[in-house]
Amino acid sequence: MSITQSKEPASHEEINFKDANERQCLIKDGLLLPYFQYHCIPSDLAKYPNVRAHYIKKHIPRSDYIPGLYTAIWIYTGLSLPASSQSIYLIHPTHSHHLIYSHRRLDKKCLTNLNSLALTSPECSLVDLCIYARSDEDIFTAFEVLRTNNMCSYDSVLDHFIDERKRIKIKAAENRFIKIVHSHYNES
């Protein structure tokens, strides 16, 4: 295996590969986790939200851009939902950038900080997921992982929908969330 490194990898260093086949083999074997375009981190480090936040922070072009949607869900849970693998999803009130999916000012209760990275709260991330995600299964999976890790509750997400009531499509997103959660719990 030929690994190109400028120095000994620290706990938060990326490993770059000369050969894409080696990278793919390590991903297939579960030793590497792809997280943004062609970037990978060792799978054992990817277990920790603060480490995932550290890696994402390297790819954010400006400090006032806030990770949200799939990116925030990945940081909190480690879930690589299908739509999330190739992009970082950011929020900024005024700037335009190809990574920005939403232009809005975020209330302080919509934000949290992890490893000196400001990102949307779990509840805000789920609300955005209900607006933007195509898959109901992605929404339920994200909610279930956040809920079982005590990062949010059904009621806290509903409260966030109320706080966001001025946003476009918010009522439809709230109804979608309620329907998804109730249909999964009624099947059990």
N, C-alpha and C. Protein backbone atom coordinates (compact mmCIF):
# COMPACT_ATOMS: atom_id res chain seq x y z
N MET A 1 0.85 -1.17 0.00
CA MET A 1 0.00 0.00 0.00
C MET A 1 0.89 1.22 0.00
N SER A 2 0.65 2.17 -0.92
CA SER A 2 1.46 3.38 -0.96
C SER A 2 0.63 4.56 -0.47
N ILE A 3 0.96 5.02 0.70
CA ILE A 3 0.26 6.15 1.30
C ILE A 3 1.19 7.35 1.25
N THR A 4 0.68 8.46 0.75
CA THR A 4 1.46 9.68 0.69
C THR A 4 1.11 10.54 1.89
N GLN A 5 2.08 10.80 2.73
CA GLN A 5 1.84 11.64 3.89
C GLN A 5 3.03 12.56 4.07
N SER A 6 2.75 13.78 4.52
CA SER A 6 3.83 14.71 4.76
C SER A 6 4.42 14.50 6.15
N LYS A 7 3.66 13.92 7.05
CA LYS A 7 4.14 13.66 8.41
C LYS A 7 3.34 12.52 9.01
N GLU A 8 3.71 12.10 10.17
CA GLU A 8 3.00 11.05 10.89
C GLU A 8 1.55 11.49 11.11
N PRO A 9 0.53 10.66 10.81
CA PRO A 9 -0.85 11.11 10.98
C PRO A 9 -1.20 11.27 12.45
N ALA A 10 -1.70 12.46 12.80
CA ALA A 10 -2.22 12.69 14.14
C ALA A 10 -3.63 12.15 14.17
N SER A 11 -4.29 12.28 15.30
CA SER A 11 -5.63 11.71 15.41
C SER A 11 -6.63 12.36 14.47
N HIS A 12 -6.34 13.58 14.01
CA HIS A 12 -7.29 14.28 13.13
C HIS A 12 -6.73 14.54 11.74
N GLU A 13 -5.78 13.75 11.28
CA GLU A 13 -5.19 13.94 9.96
C GLU A 13 -5.92 13.09 8.93
N GLU A 14 -6.05 13.66 7.73
CA GLU A 14 -6.58 12.89 6.61
C GLU A 14 -5.43 12.10 5.99
N ILE A 15 -5.75 10.97 5.42
CA ILE A 15 -4.76 10.17 4.74
C ILE A 15 -5.08 10.24 3.25
N ASN A 16 -4.08 10.61 2.46
CA ASN A 16 -4.26 10.74 1.01
C ASN A 16 -3.64 9.54 0.32
N PHE A 17 -4.32 9.03 -0.69
CA PHE A 17 -3.87 7.83 -1.39
C PHE A 17 -3.48 8.16 -2.82
N LYS A 18 -2.38 7.56 -3.27
CA LYS A 18 -1.97 7.71 -4.67
C LYS A 18 -2.89 6.91 -5.58
N ASP A 19 -3.37 5.80 -5.08
CA ASP A 19 -4.14 4.86 -5.90
C ASP A 19 -5.59 4.81 -5.44
N ALA A 20 -6.50 5.13 -6.35
CA ALA A 20 -7.92 5.12 -6.02
C ALA A 20 -8.42 3.72 -5.68
N ASN A 21 -7.80 2.69 -6.26
CA ASN A 21 -8.21 1.32 -5.95
C ASN A 21 -7.92 0.95 -4.50
N GLU A 22 -6.79 1.42 -3.99
CA GLU A 22 -6.47 1.17 -2.58
C GLU A 22 -7.51 1.82 -1.67
N ARG A 23 -7.84 3.04 -2.02
CA ARG A 23 -8.85 3.78 -1.25
C ARG A 23 -10.17 3.03 -1.26
N GLN A 24 -10.60 2.58 -2.43
CA GLN A 24 -11.87 1.86 -2.55
C GLN A 24 -11.85 0.55 -1.75
N CYS A 25 -10.73 -0.15 -1.77
CA CYS A 25 -10.62 -1.39 -1.00
C CYS A 25 -10.75 -1.12 0.50
N LEU A 26 -10.12 -0.07 0.97
CA LEU A 26 -10.19 0.27 2.39
C LEU A 26 -11.59 0.72 2.79
N ILE A 27 -12.28 1.41 1.88
CA ILE A 27 -13.67 1.80 2.14
C ILE A 27 -14.54 0.54 2.20
N LYS A 28 -14.36 -0.34 1.22
CA LYS A 28 -15.14 -1.58 1.17
C LYS A 28 -14.91 -2.45 2.41
N ASP A 29 -13.67 -2.48 2.90
CA ASP A 29 -13.34 -3.25 4.10
C ASP A 29 -13.77 -2.57 5.39
N GLY A 30 -14.31 -1.35 5.27
CA GLY A 30 -14.79 -0.65 6.46
C GLY A 30 -13.72 0.07 7.25
N LEU A 31 -12.55 0.23 6.68
CA LEU A 31 -11.46 0.90 7.40
C LEU A 31 -11.44 2.41 7.18
N LEU A 32 -12.02 2.85 6.06
CA LEU A 32 -12.13 4.27 5.76
C LEU A 32 -13.59 4.63 5.55
N LEU A 33 -13.92 5.86 5.90
CA LEU A 33 -15.27 6.36 5.69
C LEU A 33 -15.20 7.60 4.80
N PRO A 34 -15.81 7.54 3.60
CA PRO A 34 -15.85 8.74 2.76
C PRO A 34 -16.85 9.73 3.37
N TYR A 35 -16.52 11.01 3.34
CA TYR A 35 -17.45 11.97 3.93
C TYR A 35 -17.72 13.18 3.08
N PHE A 36 -16.89 13.53 2.13
CA PHE A 36 -17.15 14.67 1.26
C PHE A 36 -16.33 14.51 0.01
N GLN A 37 -17.00 14.38 -1.10
CA GLN A 37 -16.35 14.15 -2.38
C GLN A 37 -15.37 12.99 -2.26
N TYR A 38 -14.08 13.23 -2.38
CA TYR A 38 -13.11 12.14 -2.35
C TYR A 38 -12.34 12.08 -1.04
N HIS A 39 -12.81 12.77 -0.02
CA HIS A 39 -12.12 12.78 1.27
C HIS A 39 -12.60 11.62 2.13
N CYS A 40 -11.66 11.07 2.90
CA CYS A 40 -11.96 9.95 3.78
C CYS A 40 -11.29 10.17 5.13
N ILE A 41 -11.89 9.57 6.14
CA ILE A 41 -11.26 9.54 7.46
C ILE A 41 -11.28 8.10 7.96
N PRO A 42 -10.35 7.75 8.83
CA PRO A 42 -10.36 6.40 9.39
C PRO A 42 -11.69 6.14 10.11
N SER A 43 -12.27 4.98 9.87
CA SER A 43 -13.59 4.65 10.42
C SER A 43 -13.63 4.71 11.94
N ASP A 44 -12.55 4.32 12.60
CA ASP A 44 -12.58 4.33 14.06
C ASP A 44 -12.68 5.75 14.60
N LEU A 45 -12.15 6.75 13.90
CA LEU A 45 -12.28 8.14 14.33
C LEU A 45 -13.66 8.72 13.99
N ALA A 46 -14.29 8.19 12.95
CA ALA A 46 -15.58 8.71 12.50
C ALA A 46 -16.70 8.41 13.48
N LYS A 47 -16.43 7.67 14.54
CA LYS A 47 -17.45 7.34 15.54
C LYS A 47 -17.83 8.55 16.40
N TYR A 48 -17.01 9.57 16.42
CA TYR A 48 -17.17 10.66 17.37
C TYR A 48 -17.63 11.94 16.70
N PRO A 49 -18.75 12.53 17.18
CA PRO A 49 -19.25 13.76 16.56
C PRO A 49 -18.23 14.90 16.54
N ASN A 50 -17.45 15.05 17.60
CA ASN A 50 -16.49 16.16 17.60
C ASN A 50 -15.40 15.97 16.54
N VAL A 51 -15.04 14.73 16.25
CA VAL A 51 -14.06 14.46 15.19
C VAL A 51 -14.69 14.72 13.82
N ARG A 52 -15.94 14.28 13.63
CA ARG A 52 -16.63 14.55 12.36
C ARG A 52 -16.74 16.06 12.14
N ALA A 53 -17.03 16.83 13.20
CA ALA A 53 -17.10 18.29 13.10
C ALA A 53 -15.75 18.87 12.68
N HIS A 54 -14.69 18.33 13.24
CA HIS A 54 -13.34 18.79 12.90
C HIS A 54 -13.05 18.60 11.40
N TYR A 55 -13.41 17.45 10.87
CA TYR A 55 -13.14 17.17 9.47
C TYR A 55 -13.98 18.05 8.54
N ILE A 56 -15.23 18.24 8.86
CA ILE A 56 -16.10 19.08 8.04
C ILE A 56 -15.62 20.52 8.06
N LYS A 57 -15.20 20.99 9.22
CA LYS A 57 -14.76 22.38 9.37
C LYS A 57 -13.66 22.75 8.37
N LYS A 58 -12.82 21.79 8.02
CA LYS A 58 -11.73 22.03 7.06
C LYS A 58 -12.24 22.42 5.67
N HIS A 59 -13.46 22.02 5.34
CA HIS A 59 -13.99 22.22 3.99
C HIS A 59 -15.00 23.36 3.89
N ILE A 60 -15.20 24.07 4.98
CA ILE A 60 -16.15 25.19 4.97
C ILE A 60 -15.38 26.45 4.58
N PRO A 61 -15.79 27.12 3.49
CA PRO A 61 -15.00 28.22 2.96
C PRO A 61 -14.91 29.46 3.86
N ARG A 62 -15.91 29.69 4.71
CA ARG A 62 -15.91 30.87 5.58
C ARG A 62 -16.44 30.47 6.95
N SER A 63 -15.95 31.16 7.97
CA SER A 63 -16.35 30.81 9.34
C SER A 63 -17.80 31.19 9.65
N ASP A 64 -18.40 32.08 8.87
CA ASP A 64 -19.79 32.45 9.13
C ASP A 64 -20.79 31.60 8.35
N TYR A 65 -20.31 30.60 7.63
CA TYR A 65 -21.19 29.63 6.99
C TYR A 65 -21.50 28.54 8.02
N ILE A 66 -22.76 28.20 8.14
CA ILE A 66 -23.22 27.26 9.16
C ILE A 66 -23.62 25.93 8.52
N PRO A 67 -23.00 24.82 8.94
CA PRO A 67 -23.42 23.51 8.42
C PRO A 67 -24.84 23.17 8.90
N GLY A 68 -25.62 22.64 8.00
CA GLY A 68 -26.99 22.25 8.33
C GLY A 68 -27.38 21.04 7.50
N LEU A 69 -28.66 20.71 7.53
CA LEU A 69 -29.27 19.65 6.74
C LEU A 69 -28.47 18.35 6.87
N TYR A 70 -28.12 17.70 5.77
CA TYR A 70 -27.44 16.40 5.81
C TYR A 70 -26.08 16.48 6.51
N THR A 71 -25.39 17.61 6.35
CA THR A 71 -24.07 17.76 6.97
C THR A 71 -24.18 17.74 8.48
N ALA A 72 -25.12 18.49 9.03
CA ALA A 72 -25.31 18.51 10.49
C ALA A 72 -25.77 17.14 10.98
N ILE A 73 -26.67 16.50 10.24
CA ILE A 73 -27.13 15.16 10.63
C ILE A 73 -25.95 14.20 10.66
N TRP A 74 -25.06 14.28 9.66
CA TRP A 74 -23.89 13.40 9.64
C TRP A 74 -22.97 13.68 10.83
N ILE A 75 -22.77 14.95 11.14
CA ILE A 75 -21.90 15.30 12.28
C ILE A 75 -22.48 14.72 13.56
N TYR A 76 -23.78 14.88 13.77
CA TYR A 76 -24.41 14.39 15.01
C TYR A 76 -24.45 12.87 15.10
N THR A 77 -24.77 12.21 13.98
CA THR A 77 -25.10 10.79 14.04
C THR A 77 -24.10 9.86 13.34
N GLY A 78 -23.36 10.39 12.38
CA GLY A 78 -22.49 9.54 11.57
C GLY A 78 -23.24 8.87 10.43
N LEU A 79 -24.54 9.15 10.29
CA LEU A 79 -25.34 8.57 9.21
C LEU A 79 -24.94 9.18 7.88
N SER A 80 -24.60 8.36 6.94
CA SER A 80 -24.36 8.83 5.58
C SER A 80 -25.62 8.56 4.78
N LEU A 81 -26.53 9.49 4.84
CA LEU A 81 -27.76 9.35 4.07
C LEU A 81 -27.42 9.52 2.59
N PRO A 82 -28.13 8.85 1.70
CA PRO A 82 -27.74 8.83 0.28
C PRO A 82 -27.49 10.20 -0.34
N ALA A 83 -28.28 11.18 -0.01
CA ALA A 83 -28.11 12.50 -0.64
C ALA A 83 -26.95 13.29 -0.06
N SER A 84 -26.33 12.79 0.99
CA SER A 84 -25.36 13.60 1.72
C SER A 84 -23.91 13.37 1.35
N SER A 85 -23.60 12.37 0.56
CA SER A 85 -22.22 11.94 0.44
C SER A 85 -21.31 12.85 -0.36
N GLN A 86 -21.82 13.63 -1.28
CA GLN A 86 -20.94 14.41 -2.15
C GLN A 86 -20.93 15.91 -1.86
N SER A 87 -21.76 16.39 -0.97
CA SER A 87 -21.85 17.82 -0.73
C SER A 87 -21.82 18.15 0.75
N ILE A 88 -21.40 19.36 1.01
CA ILE A 88 -21.56 19.94 2.35
C ILE A 88 -22.69 20.94 2.21
N TYR A 89 -23.63 20.90 3.13
CA TYR A 89 -24.80 21.78 3.08
C TYR A 89 -24.65 22.88 4.12
N LEU A 90 -24.69 24.14 3.65
CA LEU A 90 -24.43 25.29 4.51
C LEU A 90 -25.58 26.28 4.46
N ILE A 91 -25.64 27.11 5.52
CA ILE A 91 -26.63 28.18 5.62
C ILE A 91 -25.87 29.49 5.81
N HIS A 92 -26.31 30.54 5.14
CA HIS A 92 -25.80 31.89 5.37
C HIS A 92 -26.92 32.86 5.04
N PRO A 93 -27.05 33.94 5.83
CA PRO A 93 -28.17 34.86 5.58
C PRO A 93 -28.09 35.62 4.25
N THR A 94 -26.89 35.91 3.76
CA THR A 94 -26.81 36.77 2.57
C THR A 94 -25.90 36.26 1.46
N HIS A 95 -24.83 35.58 1.77
CA HIS A 95 -23.87 35.19 0.74
C HIS A 95 -24.39 34.06 -0.15
N SER A 96 -23.90 34.07 -1.38
CA SER A 96 -24.20 32.98 -2.30
C SER A 96 -22.94 32.14 -2.49
N HIS A 97 -23.11 30.87 -2.51
CA HIS A 97 -22.01 29.92 -2.71
C HIS A 97 -22.66 28.61 -3.13
N HIS A 98 -21.99 27.82 -3.94
CA HIS A 98 -22.62 26.59 -4.44
C HIS A 98 -22.95 25.60 -3.32
N LEU A 99 -22.34 25.73 -2.15
CA LEU A 99 -22.63 24.83 -1.04
C LEU A 99 -23.80 25.30 -0.16
N ILE A 100 -24.29 26.52 -0.41
CA ILE A 100 -25.35 27.06 0.44
C ILE A 100 -26.72 26.62 -0.07
N TYR A 101 -27.49 25.99 0.82
CA TYR A 101 -28.82 25.52 0.43
C TYR A 101 -29.91 26.44 0.96
N SER A 102 -29.59 27.34 1.88
CA SER A 102 -30.61 28.20 2.47
C SER A 102 -30.02 29.54 2.86
N HIS A 103 -30.76 30.60 2.56
CA HIS A 103 -30.38 31.95 2.98
C HIS A 103 -31.36 32.39 4.05
N ARG A 104 -30.91 32.36 5.29
CA ARG A 104 -31.76 32.83 6.38
C ARG A 104 -30.91 33.10 7.61
N ARG A 105 -31.43 33.97 8.43
CA ARG A 105 -30.77 34.23 9.72
C ARG A 105 -31.25 33.18 10.69
N LEU A 106 -30.31 32.65 11.46
CA LEU A 106 -30.67 31.62 12.42
C LEU A 106 -30.75 32.20 13.82
N ASP A 107 -31.84 31.90 14.49
CA ASP A 107 -32.00 32.27 15.88
C ASP A 107 -30.98 31.49 16.71
N LYS A 108 -30.56 32.05 17.84
CA LYS A 108 -29.56 31.38 18.68
C LYS A 108 -29.99 29.98 19.11
N LYS A 109 -31.29 29.76 19.30
CA LYS A 109 -31.72 28.41 19.72
C LYS A 109 -31.69 27.42 18.56
N CYS A 110 -31.45 27.89 17.35
CA CYS A 110 -31.29 26.99 16.20
C CYS A 110 -29.84 26.55 16.04
N LEU A 111 -28.96 27.11 16.83
CA LEU A 111 -27.53 26.83 16.68
C LEU A 111 -26.98 26.08 17.88
N THR A 112 -25.96 25.31 17.63
CA THR A 112 -25.20 24.66 18.68
C THR A 112 -23.74 24.72 18.26
N ASN A 113 -22.85 24.37 19.16
CA ASN A 113 -21.42 24.43 18.87
C ASN A 113 -20.80 23.09 19.20
N LEU A 114 -20.03 22.56 18.30
CA LEU A 114 -19.36 21.29 18.51
C LEU A 114 -17.93 21.40 17.99
N ASN A 115 -16.99 21.23 18.87
CA ASN A 115 -15.57 21.33 18.52
C ASN A 115 -15.27 22.66 17.82
N SER A 116 -15.78 23.74 18.38
CA SER A 116 -15.64 25.12 17.88
C SER A 116 -16.22 25.31 16.48
N LEU A 117 -17.19 24.49 16.11
CA LEU A 117 -17.90 24.63 14.85
C LEU A 117 -19.36 24.91 15.16
N ALA A 118 -19.85 26.06 14.72
CA ALA A 118 -21.27 26.37 14.87
C ALA A 118 -22.03 25.59 13.80
N LEU A 119 -23.10 24.92 14.21
CA LEU A 119 -23.94 24.18 13.27
C LEU A 119 -25.38 24.21 13.75
N THR A 120 -26.30 23.84 12.85
CA THR A 120 -27.70 23.85 13.23
C THR A 120 -27.95 22.78 14.30
N SER A 121 -28.89 23.06 15.18
CA SER A 121 -29.24 22.12 16.25
C SER A 121 -29.84 20.86 15.65
N PRO A 122 -29.90 19.77 16.41
CA PRO A 122 -30.54 18.56 15.88
C PRO A 122 -31.98 18.81 15.42
N GLU A 123 -32.72 19.58 16.20
CA GLU A 123 -34.12 19.87 15.83
C GLU A 123 -34.19 20.67 14.54
N CYS A 124 -33.37 21.71 14.43
CA CYS A 124 -33.36 22.53 13.22
C CYS A 124 -32.94 21.69 12.01
N SER A 125 -31.98 20.81 12.20
CA SER A 125 -31.52 19.94 11.11
C SER A 125 -32.64 19.01 10.64
N LEU A 126 -33.41 18.48 11.59
CA LEU A 126 -34.55 17.62 11.22
C LEU A 126 -35.64 18.39 10.49
N VAL A 127 -35.91 19.61 10.94
CA VAL A 127 -36.91 20.44 10.26
C VAL A 127 -36.46 20.68 8.82
N ASP A 128 -35.20 21.04 8.63
CA ASP A 128 -34.68 21.23 7.27
C ASP A 128 -34.79 19.95 6.46
N LEU A 129 -34.48 18.83 7.08
CA LEU A 129 -34.58 17.55 6.39
C LEU A 129 -36.02 17.30 5.93
N CYS A 130 -36.99 17.66 6.75
CA CYS A 130 -38.40 17.48 6.37
C CYS A 130 -38.79 18.37 5.20
N ILE A 131 -38.12 19.49 5.05
CA ILE A 131 -38.40 20.40 3.93
C ILE A 131 -37.69 19.94 2.66
N TYR A 132 -36.43 19.56 2.77
CA TYR A 132 -35.59 19.34 1.59
C TYR A 132 -35.41 17.88 1.17
N ALA A 133 -35.53 16.93 2.08
CA ALA A 133 -35.24 15.53 1.76
C ALA A 133 -36.32 14.92 0.88
N ARG A 134 -35.90 14.07 -0.02
CA ARG A 134 -36.85 13.35 -0.86
C ARG A 134 -37.36 12.09 -0.18
N SER A 135 -36.55 11.51 0.66
CA SER A 135 -36.87 10.21 1.24
C SER A 135 -37.44 10.34 2.66
N ASP A 136 -38.64 9.81 2.86
CA ASP A 136 -39.22 9.75 4.20
C ASP A 136 -38.38 8.86 5.11
N GLU A 137 -37.78 7.83 4.53
CA GLU A 137 -36.96 6.91 5.33
C GLU A 137 -35.73 7.62 5.89
N ASP A 138 -35.13 8.54 5.11
CA ASP A 138 -33.99 9.32 5.62
C ASP A 138 -34.41 10.15 6.83
N ILE A 139 -35.58 10.75 6.75
CA ILE A 139 -36.07 11.58 7.85
C ILE A 139 -36.29 10.73 9.09
N PHE A 140 -36.96 9.60 8.93
CA PHE A 140 -37.23 8.76 10.10
C PHE A 140 -35.94 8.20 10.69
N THR A 141 -35.02 7.75 9.84
CA THR A 141 -33.76 7.20 10.32
C THR A 141 -32.98 8.25 11.11
N ALA A 142 -32.88 9.45 10.57
CA ALA A 142 -32.17 10.53 11.27
C ALA A 142 -32.84 10.83 12.61
N PHE A 143 -34.17 10.94 12.60
CA PHE A 143 -34.89 11.21 13.84
C PHE A 143 -34.65 10.11 14.87
N GLU A 144 -34.74 8.88 14.43
CA GLU A 144 -34.61 7.74 15.34
C GLU A 144 -33.22 7.69 15.97
N VAL A 145 -32.18 7.94 15.18
CA VAL A 145 -30.82 7.93 15.73
C VAL A 145 -30.62 9.10 16.69
N LEU A 146 -31.09 10.27 16.32
CA LEU A 146 -30.98 11.44 17.22
C LEU A 146 -31.75 11.20 18.51
N ARG A 147 -32.96 10.63 18.39
CA ARG A 147 -33.80 10.38 19.56
C ARG A 147 -33.17 9.34 20.48
N THR A 148 -32.68 8.25 19.94
CA THR A 148 -32.12 7.20 20.79
C THR A 148 -30.80 7.62 21.43
N ASN A 149 -30.13 8.61 20.85
CA ASN A 149 -28.91 9.15 21.45
C ASN A 149 -29.19 10.37 22.33
N ASN A 150 -30.47 10.58 22.64
CA ASN A 150 -30.91 11.68 23.52
C ASN A 150 -30.48 13.06 23.02
N MET A 151 -30.47 13.24 21.70
CA MET A 151 -30.13 14.54 21.14
C MET A 151 -31.37 15.38 20.85
N CYS A 152 -32.52 14.71 20.76
CA CYS A 152 -33.79 15.41 20.56
C CYS A 152 -34.92 14.46 20.92
N SER A 153 -36.09 15.02 21.00
CA SER A 153 -37.29 14.21 21.24
C SER A 153 -38.36 14.62 20.22
N TYR A 154 -39.39 13.82 20.15
CA TYR A 154 -40.51 14.13 19.26
C TYR A 154 -41.06 15.51 19.60
N ASP A 155 -41.26 15.78 20.89
CA ASP A 155 -41.81 17.07 21.32
C ASP A 155 -40.88 18.23 21.01
N SER A 156 -39.56 18.02 21.18
CA SER A 156 -38.63 19.13 20.91
C SER A 156 -38.61 19.48 19.42
N VAL A 157 -38.79 18.47 18.56
CA VAL A 157 -38.85 18.73 17.12
C VAL A 157 -40.14 19.47 16.79
N LEU A 158 -41.26 19.04 17.38
CA LEU A 158 -42.53 19.75 17.14
C LEU A 158 -42.45 21.19 17.63
N ASP A 159 -41.81 21.41 18.78
CA ASP A 159 -41.62 22.78 19.28
C ASP A 159 -40.81 23.61 18.29
N HIS A 160 -39.83 22.99 17.67
CA HIS A 160 -39.02 23.72 16.70
C HIS A 160 -39.84 24.08 15.46
N PHE A 161 -40.74 23.22 15.05
CA PHE A 161 -41.63 23.56 13.94
C PHE A 161 -42.43 24.81 14.30
N ILE A 162 -42.89 24.92 15.52
CA ILE A 162 -43.64 26.10 15.97
C ILE A 162 -42.75 27.33 15.92
N ASP A 163 -41.51 27.21 16.38
CA ASP A 163 -40.58 28.34 16.36
C ASP A 163 -40.29 28.80 14.93
N GLU A 164 -40.37 27.90 13.98
CA GLU A 164 -40.03 28.21 12.58
C GLU A 164 -41.28 28.50 11.74
N ARG A 165 -42.39 28.78 12.37
CA ARG A 165 -43.68 28.87 11.67
C ARG A 165 -43.73 29.91 10.54
N LYS A 166 -42.78 30.86 10.51
CA LYS A 166 -42.79 31.87 9.45
C LYS A 166 -42.13 31.39 8.16
N ARG A 167 -41.45 30.26 8.20
CA ARG A 167 -40.77 29.76 7.01
C ARG A 167 -41.76 29.20 6.00
N ILE A 168 -41.41 29.33 4.75
CA ILE A 168 -42.22 28.78 3.67
C ILE A 168 -42.16 27.25 3.75
N LYS A 169 -43.26 26.60 3.48
CA LYS A 169 -43.39 25.13 3.45
C LYS A 169 -43.27 24.49 4.83
N ILE A 170 -43.32 25.27 5.89
CA ILE A 170 -43.09 24.70 7.22
C ILE A 170 -44.26 23.83 7.67
N LYS A 171 -45.48 24.22 7.37
CA LYS A 171 -46.63 23.43 7.80
C LYS A 171 -46.66 22.08 7.09
N ALA A 172 -46.37 22.08 5.80
CA ALA A 172 -46.31 20.81 5.06
C ALA A 172 -45.19 19.93 5.60
N ALA A 173 -44.06 20.52 5.95
CA ALA A 173 -42.94 19.76 6.51
C ALA A 173 -43.31 19.18 7.87
N GLU A 174 -44.02 19.96 8.68
CA GLU A 174 -44.45 19.47 10.00
C GLU A 174 -45.42 18.30 9.85
N ASN A 175 -46.37 18.44 8.95
CA ASN A 175 -47.32 17.35 8.70
C ASN A 175 -46.60 16.10 8.19
N ARG A 176 -45.61 16.30 7.35
CA ARG A 176 -44.83 15.18 6.84
C ARG A 176 -44.10 14.46 7.98
N PHE A 177 -43.47 15.22 8.88
CA PHE A 177 -42.76 14.65 10.01
C PHE A 177 -43.71 13.84 10.90
N ILE A 178 -44.86 14.41 11.23
CA ILE A 178 -45.83 13.73 12.09
C ILE A 178 -46.29 12.42 11.43
N LYS A 179 -46.60 12.49 10.13
CA LYS A 179 -47.07 11.31 9.40
C LYS A 179 -46.00 10.22 9.37
N ILE A 180 -44.74 10.60 9.11
CA ILE A 180 -43.64 9.63 9.03
C ILE A 180 -43.46 8.93 10.38
N VAL A 181 -43.38 9.71 11.44
CA VAL A 181 -43.12 9.15 12.77
C VAL A 181 -44.29 8.26 13.20
N HIS A 182 -45.51 8.74 13.03
CA HIS A 182 -46.69 7.95 13.43
C HIS A 182 -46.80 6.67 12.62
N SER A 183 -46.51 6.74 11.31
CA SER A 183 -46.64 5.51 10.51
C SER A 183 -45.60 4.47 10.92
N HIS A 184 -44.40 4.88 11.29
CA HIS A 184 -43.38 3.92 11.72
C HIS A 184 -43.69 3.34 13.09
N TYR A 185 -44.20 4.16 13.98
CA TYR A 185 -44.49 3.65 15.32
C TYR A 185 -45.76 2.81 15.33
N ASN A 186 -46.69 3.09 14.43
CA ASN A 186 -47.91 2.28 14.36
C ASN A 186 -47.66 0.93 13.73
N GLU A 187 -46.58 0.81 12.91
CA GLU A 187 -46.23 -0.49 12.31
C GLU A 187 -45.65 -1.43 13.34
N SER A 188 -45.00 -0.86 14.36
CA SER A 188 -44.33 -1.70 15.37
C SER A 188 -45.28 -2.37 16.31
